[in-house]
Amino acid sequence: MTLYFGDEAYRIINQAGFHDAVIFLSSHILQPLVALFVSLFVGWVIPRSVSYEALGLKNRKLYEVWNFGIRYITPVLVFVVMLSMLGVVGH
């Protein structure tokens, strides 16, 4: 059985030790997943009033732009970066 991890497949399967595999998994899979879940949590779970107060912005319109970005733009971009790091898109 062969696992495919994009351009890194040969190095991961044939030449990598445990340390290399852990580094690959943490930097290419876990970190983008954490960023995705944090952006989804901040954008969709935390009440808007709490995030507005925590940011301390004086301008409500600036907060609305930030909120739109954290809800819709950030998760998509983080997902695209994760796919790119795995070699699914780009290259």
PDB file of N, CA and C in Angstrom:
ATOM      1  N   MET A   1       0.839  -1.176   0.000  1.00  0.00           N
ATOM      2  CA  MET A   1       0.000   0.000   0.000  1.00  0.00           C
ATOM      3  C   MET A   1       0.878   1.231   0.000  1.00  0.00           C
ATOM      4  N   THR A   2       0.568   2.180  -0.862  1.00  0.00           N
ATOM      5  CA  THR A   2       1.350   3.397  -0.969  1.00  0.00           C
ATOM      6  C   THR A   2       0.488   4.588  -0.591  1.00  0.00           C
ATOM      7  N   LEU A   3       1.029   5.424   0.265  1.00  0.00           N
ATOM      8  CA  LEU A   3       0.356   6.664   0.625  1.00  0.00           C
ATOM      9  C   LEU A   3       0.898   7.777  -0.239  1.00  0.00           C
ATOM     10  N   TYR A   4       0.031   8.697  -0.641  1.00  0.00           N
ATOM     11  CA  TYR A   4       0.462   9.796  -1.483  1.00  0.00           C
ATOM     12  C   TYR A   4       0.350  11.102  -0.723  1.00  0.00           C
ATOM     13  N   PHE A   5       1.447  11.806  -0.584  1.00  0.00           N
ATOM     14  CA  PHE A   5       1.484  13.098   0.083  1.00  0.00           C
ATOM     15  C   PHE A   5       2.029  14.155  -0.862  1.00  0.00           C
ATOM     16  N   GLY A   6       1.542  14.203  -2.081  1.00  0.00           N
ATOM     17  CA  GLY A   6       1.988  15.213  -3.032  1.00  0.00           C
ATOM     18  C   GLY A   6       3.409  14.953  -3.484  1.00  0.00           C
ATOM     19  N   ASP A   7       4.162  16.034  -3.660  1.00  0.00           N
ATOM     20  CA  ASP A   7       5.538  15.937  -4.144  1.00  0.00           C
ATOM     21  C   ASP A   7       6.466  15.250  -3.142  1.00  0.00           C
ATOM     22  N   GLU A   8       6.058  15.180  -1.892  1.00  0.00           N
ATOM     23  CA  GLU A   8       6.892  14.622  -0.842  1.00  0.00           C
ATOM     24  C   GLU A   8       6.724  13.102  -0.695  1.00  0.00           C
ATOM     25  N   ALA A   9       5.945  12.459  -1.560  1.00  0.00           N
ATOM     26  CA  ALA A   9       5.609  11.047  -1.375  1.00  0.00           C
ATOM     27  C   ALA A   9       6.848  10.154  -1.321  1.00  0.00           C
ATOM     28  N   TYR A  10       7.764  10.325  -2.236  1.00  0.00           N
ATOM     29  CA  TYR A  10       8.941   9.459  -2.269  1.00  0.00           C
ATOM     30  C   TYR A  10       9.768   9.618  -1.003  1.00  0.00           C
ATOM     31  N   ARG A  11       9.985  10.851  -0.570  1.00  0.00           N
ATOM     32  CA  ARG A  11      10.794  11.101   0.622  1.00  0.00           C
ATOM     33  C   ARG A  11      10.119  10.560   1.873  1.00  0.00           C
ATOM     34  N   ILE A  12       8.818  10.741   1.984  1.00  0.00           N
ATOM     35  CA  ILE A  12       8.109  10.291   3.177  1.00  0.00           C
ATOM     36  C   ILE A  12       8.127   8.771   3.294  1.00  0.00           C
ATOM     37  N   ILE A  13       7.890   8.079   2.207  1.00  0.00           N
ATOM     38  CA  ILE A  13       7.743   6.635   2.293  1.00  0.00           C
ATOM     39  C   ILE A  13       9.088   5.912   2.313  1.00  0.00           C
ATOM     40  N   ASN A  14      10.014   6.317   1.462  1.00  0.00           N
ATOM     41  CA  ASN A  14      11.226   5.523   1.308  1.00  0.00           C
ATOM     42  C   ASN A  14      12.419   5.988   2.133  1.00  0.00           C
ATOM     43  N   GLN A  15      12.530   7.280   2.411  1.00  0.00           N
ATOM     44  CA  GLN A  15      13.756   7.748   3.047  1.00  0.00           C
ATOM     45  C   GLN A  15      13.549   8.419   4.398  1.00  0.00           C
ATOM     46  N   ALA A  16      12.334   8.655   4.810  1.00  0.00           N
ATOM     47  CA  ALA A  16      12.094   9.422   6.028  1.00  0.00           C
ATOM     48  C   ALA A  16      12.102   8.531   7.255  1.00  0.00           C
ATOM     49  N   GLY A  17      12.622   9.101   8.310  1.00  0.00           N
ATOM     50  CA  GLY A  17      12.532   8.446   9.599  1.00  0.00           C
ATOM     51  C   GLY A  17      11.294   8.944  10.320  1.00  0.00           C
ATOM     52  N   PHE A  18      11.173   8.541  11.561  1.00  0.00           N
ATOM     53  CA  PHE A  18      10.020   8.935  12.361  1.00  0.00           C
ATOM     54  C   PHE A  18       9.954  10.458  12.520  1.00  0.00           C
ATOM     55  N   HIS A  19      11.085  11.077  12.789  1.00  0.00           N
ATOM     56  CA  HIS A  19      11.130  12.522  12.984  1.00  0.00           C
ATOM     57  C   HIS A  19      10.661  13.259  11.733  1.00  0.00           C
ATOM     58  N   ASP A  20      11.112  12.849  10.570  1.00  0.00           N
ATOM     59  CA  ASP A  20      10.692  13.490   9.317  1.00  0.00           C
ATOM     60  C   ASP A  20       9.190  13.340   9.092  1.00  0.00           C
ATOM     61  N   ALA A  21       8.657  12.176   9.410  1.00  0.00           N
ATOM     62  CA  ALA A  21       7.218  11.959   9.231  1.00  0.00           C
ATOM     63  C   ALA A  21       6.408  12.833  10.178  1.00  0.00           C
ATOM     64  N   VAL A  22       6.863  12.970  11.421  1.00  0.00           N
ATOM     65  CA  VAL A  22       6.159  13.817  12.384  1.00  0.00           C
ATOM     66  C   VAL A  22       6.215  15.273  11.954  1.00  0.00           C
ATOM     67  N   ILE A  23       7.360  15.726  11.483  1.00  0.00           N
ATOM     68  CA  ILE A  23       7.494  17.102  11.001  1.00  0.00           C
ATOM     69  C   ILE A  23       6.561  17.336   9.821  1.00  0.00           C
ATOM     70  N   PHE A  24       6.514  16.400   8.895  1.00  0.00           N
ATOM     71  CA  PHE A  24       5.631  16.543   7.736  1.00  0.00           C
ATOM     72  C   PHE A  24       4.173  16.604   8.164  1.00  0.00           C
ATOM     73  N   LEU A  25       3.762  15.688   9.018  1.00  0.00           N
ATOM     74  CA  LEU A  25       2.365  15.659   9.450  1.00  0.00           C
ATOM     75  C   LEU A  25       1.985  16.919  10.218  1.00  0.00           C
ATOM     76  N   SER A  26       2.874  17.394  11.069  1.00  0.00           N
ATOM     77  CA  SER A  26       2.526  18.584  11.851  1.00  0.00           C
ATOM     78  C   SER A  26       2.500  19.834  10.990  1.00  0.00           C
ATOM     79  N   SER A  27       3.438  19.990  10.080  1.00  0.00           N
ATOM     80  CA  SER A  27       3.493  21.228   9.299  1.00  0.00           C
ATOM     81  C   SER A  27       2.553  21.226   8.096  1.00  0.00           C
ATOM     82  N   HIS A  28       2.268  20.075   7.527  1.00  0.00           N
ATOM     83  CA  HIS A  28       1.434  20.025   6.325  1.00  0.00           C
ATOM     84  C   HIS A  28      -0.026  19.686   6.605  1.00  0.00           C
ATOM     85  N   ILE A  29      -0.300  19.079   7.735  1.00  0.00           N
ATOM     86  CA  ILE A  29      -1.677  18.666   8.017  1.00  0.00           C
ATOM     87  C   ILE A  29      -2.209  19.307   9.301  1.00  0.00           C
ATOM     88  N   LEU A  30      -1.514  19.131  10.415  1.00  0.00           N
ATOM     89  CA  LEU A  30      -2.046  19.589  11.697  1.00  0.00           C
ATOM     90  C   LEU A  30      -2.124  21.112  11.819  1.00  0.00           C
ATOM     91  N   GLN A  31      -1.085  21.818  11.433  1.00  0.00           N
ATOM     92  CA  GLN A  31      -1.115  23.277  11.560  1.00  0.00           C
ATOM     93  C   GLN A  31      -2.204  23.917  10.696  1.00  0.00           C
ATOM     94  N   PRO A  32      -2.346  23.537   9.429  1.00  0.00           N
ATOM     95  CA  PRO A  32      -3.464  24.108   8.668  1.00  0.00           C
ATOM     96  C   PRO A  32      -4.829  23.716   9.220  1.00  0.00           C
ATOM     97  N   LEU A  33      -4.974  22.487   9.723  1.00  0.00           N
ATOM     98  CA  LEU A  33      -6.251  22.087  10.318  1.00  0.00           C
ATOM     99  C   LEU A  33      -6.578  22.910  11.558  1.00  0.00           C
ATOM    100  N   VAL A  34      -5.585  23.151  12.395  1.00  0.00           N
ATOM    101  CA  VAL A  34      -5.802  23.974  13.581  1.00  0.00           C
ATOM    102  C   VAL A  34      -6.192  25.389  13.171  1.00  0.00           C
ATOM    103  N   ALA A  35      -5.504  25.950  12.191  1.00  0.00           N
ATOM    104  CA  ALA A  35      -5.848  27.294  11.716  1.00  0.00           C
ATOM    105  C   ALA A  35      -7.269  27.330  11.160  1.00  0.00           C
ATOM    106  N   LEU A  36      -7.658  26.294  10.447  1.00  0.00           N
ATOM    107  CA  LEU A  36      -9.014  26.222   9.907  1.00  0.00           C
ATOM    108  C   LEU A  36     -10.043  26.166  11.025  1.00  0.00           C
ATOM    109  N   PHE A  37      -9.820  25.301  12.006  1.00  0.00           N
ATOM    110  CA  PHE A  37     -10.775  25.172  13.105  1.00  0.00           C
ATOM    111  C   PHE A  37     -10.821  26.420  13.981  1.00  0.00           C
ATOM    112  N   VAL A  38      -9.694  27.074  14.189  1.00  0.00           N
ATOM    113  CA  VAL A  38      -9.686  28.312  14.974  1.00  0.00           C
ATOM    114  C   VAL A  38     -10.473  29.403  14.261  1.00  0.00           C
ATOM    115  N   SER A  39     -10.268  29.528  12.961  1.00  0.00           N
ATOM    116  CA  SER A  39     -11.015  30.555  12.217  1.00  0.00           C
ATOM    117  C   SER A  39     -12.512  30.249  12.218  1.00  0.00           C
ATOM    118  N   LEU A  40     -12.878  28.993  12.098  1.00  0.00           N
ATOM    119  CA  LEU A  40     -14.297  28.636  12.150  1.00  0.00           C
ATOM    120  C   LEU A  40     -14.873  28.874  13.547  1.00  0.00           C
ATOM    121  N   PHE A  41     -14.104  28.562  14.574  1.00  0.00           N
ATOM    122  CA  PHE A  41     -14.570  28.774  15.946  1.00  0.00           C
ATOM    123  C   PHE A  41     -14.754  30.262  16.233  1.00  0.00           C
ATOM    124  N   VAL A  42     -13.767  31.056  15.873  1.00  0.00           N
ATOM    125  CA  VAL A  42     -13.838  32.492  16.140  1.00  0.00           C
ATOM    126  C   VAL A  42     -14.946  33.138  15.319  1.00  0.00           C
ATOM    127  N   GLY A  43     -15.114  32.709  14.084  1.00  0.00           N
ATOM    128  CA  GLY A  43     -16.113  33.328  13.217  1.00  0.00           C
ATOM    129  C   GLY A  43     -17.539  32.887  13.467  1.00  0.00           C
ATOM    130  N   TRP A  44     -17.727  31.634  13.870  1.00  0.00           N
ATOM    131  CA  TRP A  44     -19.084  31.096  13.932  1.00  0.00           C
ATOM    132  C   TRP A  44     -19.560  30.711  15.332  1.00  0.00           C
ATOM    133  N   VAL A  45     -18.662  30.422  16.267  1.00  0.00           N
ATOM    134  CA  VAL A  45     -19.080  29.951  17.584  1.00  0.00           C
ATOM    135  C   VAL A  45     -19.081  31.088  18.612  1.00  0.00           C
ATOM    136  N   ILE A  46     -18.009  31.846  18.643  1.00  0.00           N
ATOM    137  CA  ILE A  46     -17.930  32.952  19.598  1.00  0.00           C
ATOM    138  C   ILE A  46     -18.958  34.015  19.211  1.00  0.00           C
ATOM    139  N   PRO A  47     -19.751  34.484  20.158  1.00  0.00           N
ATOM    140  CA  PRO A  47     -20.742  35.527  19.841  1.00  0.00           C
ATOM    141  C   PRO A  47     -20.056  36.786  19.299  1.00  0.00           C
ATOM    142  N   ARG A  48     -20.735  37.422  18.367  1.00  0.00           N
ATOM    143  CA  ARG A  48     -20.178  38.610  17.717  1.00  0.00           C
ATOM    144  C   ARG A  48     -19.884  39.718  18.725  1.00  0.00           C
ATOM    145  N   SER A  49     -20.720  39.864  19.720  1.00  0.00           N
ATOM    146  CA  SER A  49     -20.495  40.919  20.711  1.00  0.00           C
ATOM    147  C   SER A  49     -19.203  40.680  21.492  1.00  0.00           C
ATOM    148  N   VAL A  50     -18.916  39.426  21.774  1.00  0.00           N
ATOM    149  CA  VAL A  50     -17.698  39.089  22.521  1.00  0.00           C
ATOM    150  C   VAL A  50     -16.460  39.382  21.672  1.00  0.00           C
ATOM    151  N   SER A  51     -16.474  38.972  20.410  1.00  0.00           N
ATOM    152  CA  SER A  51     -15.308  39.225  19.560  1.00  0.00           C
ATOM    153  C   SER A  51     -15.138  40.713  19.282  1.00  0.00           C
ATOM    154  N   TYR A  52     -16.237  41.447  19.166  1.00  0.00           N
ATOM    155  CA  TYR A  52     -16.151  42.897  18.953  1.00  0.00           C
ATOM    156  C   TYR A  52     -15.496  43.579  20.152  1.00  0.00           C
ATOM    157  N   GLU A  53     -15.914  43.203  21.332  1.00  0.00           N
ATOM    158  CA  GLU A  53     -15.330  43.785  22.541  1.00  0.00           C
ATOM    159  C   GLU A  53     -13.871  43.356  22.722  1.00  0.00           C
ATOM    160  N   ALA A  54     -13.562  42.107  22.407  1.00  0.00           N
ATOM    161  CA  ALA A  54     -12.193  41.609  22.571  1.00  0.00           C
ATOM    162  C   ALA A  54     -11.226  42.304  21.620  1.00  0.00           C
ATOM    163  N   LEU A  55     -11.684  42.622  20.419  1.00  0.00           N
ATOM    164  CA  LEU A  55     -10.816  43.299  19.463  1.00  0.00           C
ATOM    165  C   LEU A  55     -10.598  44.757  19.838  1.00  0.00           C
ATOM    166  N   GLY A  56     -11.563  45.357  20.495  1.00  0.00           N
ATOM    167  CA  GLY A  56     -11.425  46.751  20.924  1.00  0.00           C
ATOM    168  C   GLY A  56     -11.425  47.744  19.781  1.00  0.00           C
ATOM    169  N   LEU A  57     -12.097  47.405  18.686  1.00  0.00           N
ATOM    170  CA  LEU A  57     -12.160  48.322  17.547  1.00  0.00           C
ATOM    171  C   LEU A  57     -13.155  49.438  17.823  1.00  0.00           C
ATOM    172  N   LYS A  58     -12.805  50.644  17.424  1.00  0.00           N
ATOM    173  CA  LYS A  58     -13.694  51.794  17.614  1.00  0.00           C
ATOM    174  C   LYS A  58     -14.713  51.896  16.474  1.00  0.00           C
ATOM    175  N   ASN A  59     -14.352  51.381  15.323  1.00  0.00           N
ATOM    176  CA  ASN A  59     -15.191  51.496  14.132  1.00  0.00           C
ATOM    177  C   ASN A  59     -15.943  50.183  13.907  1.00  0.00           C
ATOM    178  N   ARG A  60     -17.253  50.225  13.963  1.00  0.00           N
ATOM    179  CA  ARG A  60     -18.071  49.016  13.785  1.00  0.00           C
ATOM    180  C   ARG A  60     -17.954  48.463  12.360  1.00  0.00           C
ATOM    181  N   LYS A  61     -17.803  49.335  11.373  1.00  0.00           N
ATOM    182  CA  LYS A  61     -17.679  48.863   9.983  1.00  0.00           C
ATOM    183  C   LYS A  61     -16.384  48.081   9.781  1.00  0.00           C
ATOM    184  N   LEU A  62     -15.331  48.520  10.438  1.00  0.00           N
ATOM    185  CA  LEU A  62     -14.072  47.778  10.357  1.00  0.00           C
ATOM    186  C   LEU A  62     -14.240  46.391  10.966  1.00  0.00           C
ATOM    187  N   TYR A  63     -14.979  46.306  12.049  1.00  0.00           N
ATOM    188  CA  TYR A  63     -15.256  45.003  12.655  1.00  0.00           C
ATOM    189  C   TYR A  63     -16.053  44.122  11.696  1.00  0.00           C
ATOM    190  N   GLU A  64     -17.027  44.686  11.009  1.00  0.00           N
ATOM    191  CA  GLU A  64     -17.832  43.896  10.072  1.00  0.00           C
ATOM    192  C   GLU A  64     -16.969  43.339   8.937  1.00  0.00           C
ATOM    193  N   VAL A  65     -16.001  44.122   8.465  1.00  0.00           N
ATOM    194  CA  VAL A  65     -15.072  43.637   7.434  1.00  0.00           C
ATOM    195  C   VAL A  65     -14.232  42.491   8.004  1.00  0.00           C
ATOM    196  N   TRP A  66     -13.722  42.671   9.225  1.00  0.00           N
ATOM    197  CA  TRP A  66     -12.938  41.622   9.871  1.00  0.00           C
ATOM    198  C   TRP A  66     -13.778  40.358  10.048  1.00  0.00           C
ATOM    199  N   ASN A  67     -15.005  40.534  10.503  1.00  0.00           N
ATOM    200  CA  ASN A  67     -15.880  39.387  10.754  1.00  0.00           C
ATOM    201  C   ASN A  67     -16.185  38.630   9.456  1.00  0.00           C
ATOM    202  N   PHE A  68     -16.437  39.349   8.388  1.00  0.00           N
ATOM    203  CA  PHE A  68     -16.662  38.696   7.094  1.00  0.00           C
ATOM    204  C   PHE A  68     -15.422  37.909   6.682  1.00  0.00           C
ATOM    205  N   GLY A  69     -14.252  38.510   6.857  1.00  0.00           N
ATOM    206  CA  GLY A  69     -13.007  37.835   6.476  1.00  0.00           C
ATOM    207  C   GLY A  69     -12.752  36.583   7.284  1.00  0.00           C
ATOM    208  N   ILE A  70     -13.000  36.645   8.596  1.00  0.00           N
ATOM    209  CA  ILE A  70     -12.727  35.488   9.458  1.00  0.00           C
ATOM    210  C   ILE A  70     -13.754  34.384   9.242  1.00  0.00           C
ATOM    211  N   ARG A  71     -14.960  34.744   8.816  1.00  0.00           N
ATOM    212  CA  ARG A  71     -15.994  33.731   8.588  1.00  0.00           C
ATOM    213  C   ARG A  71     -15.900  33.067   7.220  1.00  0.00           C
ATOM    214  N   TYR A  72     -15.668  33.852   6.191  1.00  0.00           N
ATOM    215  CA  TYR A  72     -15.782  33.333   4.825  1.00  0.00           C
ATOM    216  C   TYR A  72     -14.453  33.233   4.083  1.00  0.00           C
ATOM    217  N   ILE A  73     -13.607  34.230   4.203  1.00  0.00           N
ATOM    218  CA  ILE A  73     -12.384  34.258   3.402  1.00  0.00           C
ATOM    219  C   ILE A  73     -11.288  33.394   4.018  1.00  0.00           C
ATOM    220  N   THR A  74     -11.059  33.551   5.314  1.00  0.00           N
ATOM    221  CA  THR A  74      -9.963  32.830   5.970  1.00  0.00           C
ATOM    222  C   THR A  74     -10.095  31.308   5.868  1.00  0.00           C
ATOM    223  N   PRO A  75     -11.257  30.709   6.153  1.00  0.00           N
ATOM    224  CA  PRO A  75     -11.332  29.242   6.033  1.00  0.00           C
ATOM    225  C   PRO A  75     -11.042  28.742   4.615  1.00  0.00           C
ATOM    226  N   VAL A  76     -11.521  29.454   3.618  1.00  0.00           N
ATOM    227  CA  VAL A  76     -11.277  29.037   2.233  1.00  0.00           C
ATOM    228  C   VAL A  76      -9.791  29.121   1.907  1.00  0.00           C
ATOM    229  N   LEU A  77      -9.158  30.223   2.286  1.00  0.00           N
ATOM    230  CA  LEU A  77      -7.729  30.377   1.989  1.00  0.00           C
ATOM    231  C   LEU A  77      -6.880  29.366   2.746  1.00  0.00           C
ATOM    232  N   VAL A  78      -7.202  29.101   3.990  1.00  0.00           N
ATOM    233  CA  VAL A  78      -6.447  28.109   4.763  1.00  0.00           C
ATOM    234  C   VAL A  78      -6.619  26.721   4.137  1.00  0.00           C
ATOM    235  N   PHE A  79      -7.822  26.411   3.686  1.00  0.00           N
ATOM    236  CA  PHE A  79      -8.059  25.119   3.037  1.00  0.00           C
ATOM    237  C   PHE A  79      -7.266  25.004   1.728  1.00  0.00           C
ATOM    238  N   VAL A  80      -7.219  26.072   0.954  1.00  0.00           N
ATOM    239  CA  VAL A  80      -6.443  26.069  -0.294  1.00  0.00           C
ATOM    240  C   VAL A  80      -4.957  25.907   0.004  1.00  0.00           C
ATOM    241  N   VAL A  81      -4.462  26.583   1.035  1.00  0.00           N
ATOM    242  CA  VAL A  81      -3.055  26.433   1.423  1.00  0.00           C
ATOM    243  C   VAL A  81      -2.770  24.993   1.837  1.00  0.00           C
ATOM    244  N   MET A  82      -3.680  24.392   2.585  1.00  0.00           N
ATOM    245  CA  MET A  82      -3.486  23.005   3.004  1.00  0.00           C
ATOM    246  C   MET A  82      -3.448  22.075   1.791  1.00  0.00           C
ATOM    247  N   LEU A  83      -4.357  22.268   0.861  1.00  0.00           N
ATOM    248  CA  LEU A  83      -4.341  21.437  -0.347  1.00  0.00           C
ATOM    249  C   LEU A  83      -3.069  21.654  -1.158  1.00  0.00           C
ATOM    250  N   SER A  84      -2.615  22.883  -1.196  1.00  0.00           N
ATOM    251  CA  SER A  84      -1.378  23.178  -1.917  1.00  0.00           C
ATOM    252  C   SER A  84      -0.175  22.516  -1.256  1.00  0.00           C
ATOM    253  N   MET A  85      -0.144  22.549   0.080  1.00  0.00           N
ATOM    254  CA  MET A  85       0.974  21.909   0.787  1.00  0.00           C
ATOM    255  C   MET A  85       0.974  20.405   0.605  1.00  0.00           C
ATOM    256  N   LEU A  86      -0.202  19.821   0.413  1.00  0.00           N
ATOM    257  CA  LEU A  86      -0.295  18.387   0.179  1.00  0.00           C
ATOM    258  C   LEU A  86      -0.058  18.021  -1.284  1.00  0.00           C
ATOM    259  N   GLY A  87       0.057  19.024  -2.145  1.00  0.00           N
ATOM    260  CA  GLY A  87       0.312  18.770  -3.558  1.00  0.00           C
ATOM    261  C   GLY A  87      -0.917  18.478  -4.371  1.00  0.00           C
ATOM    262  N   VAL A  88      -2.102  18.764  -3.836  1.00  0.00           N
ATOM    263  CA  VAL A  88      -3.353  18.495  -4.550  1.00  0.00           C
ATOM    264  C   VAL A  88      -3.630  19.584  -5.583  1.00  0.00           C
ATOM    265  N   VAL A  89      -3.381  20.836  -5.222  1.00  0.00           N
ATOM    266  CA  VAL A  89      -3.564  21.957  -6.146  1.00  0.00           C
ATOM    267  C   VAL A  89      -2.251  22.708  -6.273  1.00  0.00           C
ATOM    268  N   GLY A  90      -2.145  23.502  -7.308  1.00  0.00           N
ATOM    269  CA  GLY A  90      -0.925  24.296  -7.517  1.00  0.00           C
ATOM    270  C   GLY A  90       0.123  23.508  -8.269  1.00  0.00           C
ATOM    271  N   HIS A  91       1.349  23.713  -7.885  1.00  0.00           N
ATOM    272  CA  HIS A  91       2.536  23.076  -8.483  1.00  0.00           C
ATOM    273  C   HIS A  91       2.356  22.876  -9.936  1.00  0.00           C
TER     274      HIS A  91
END
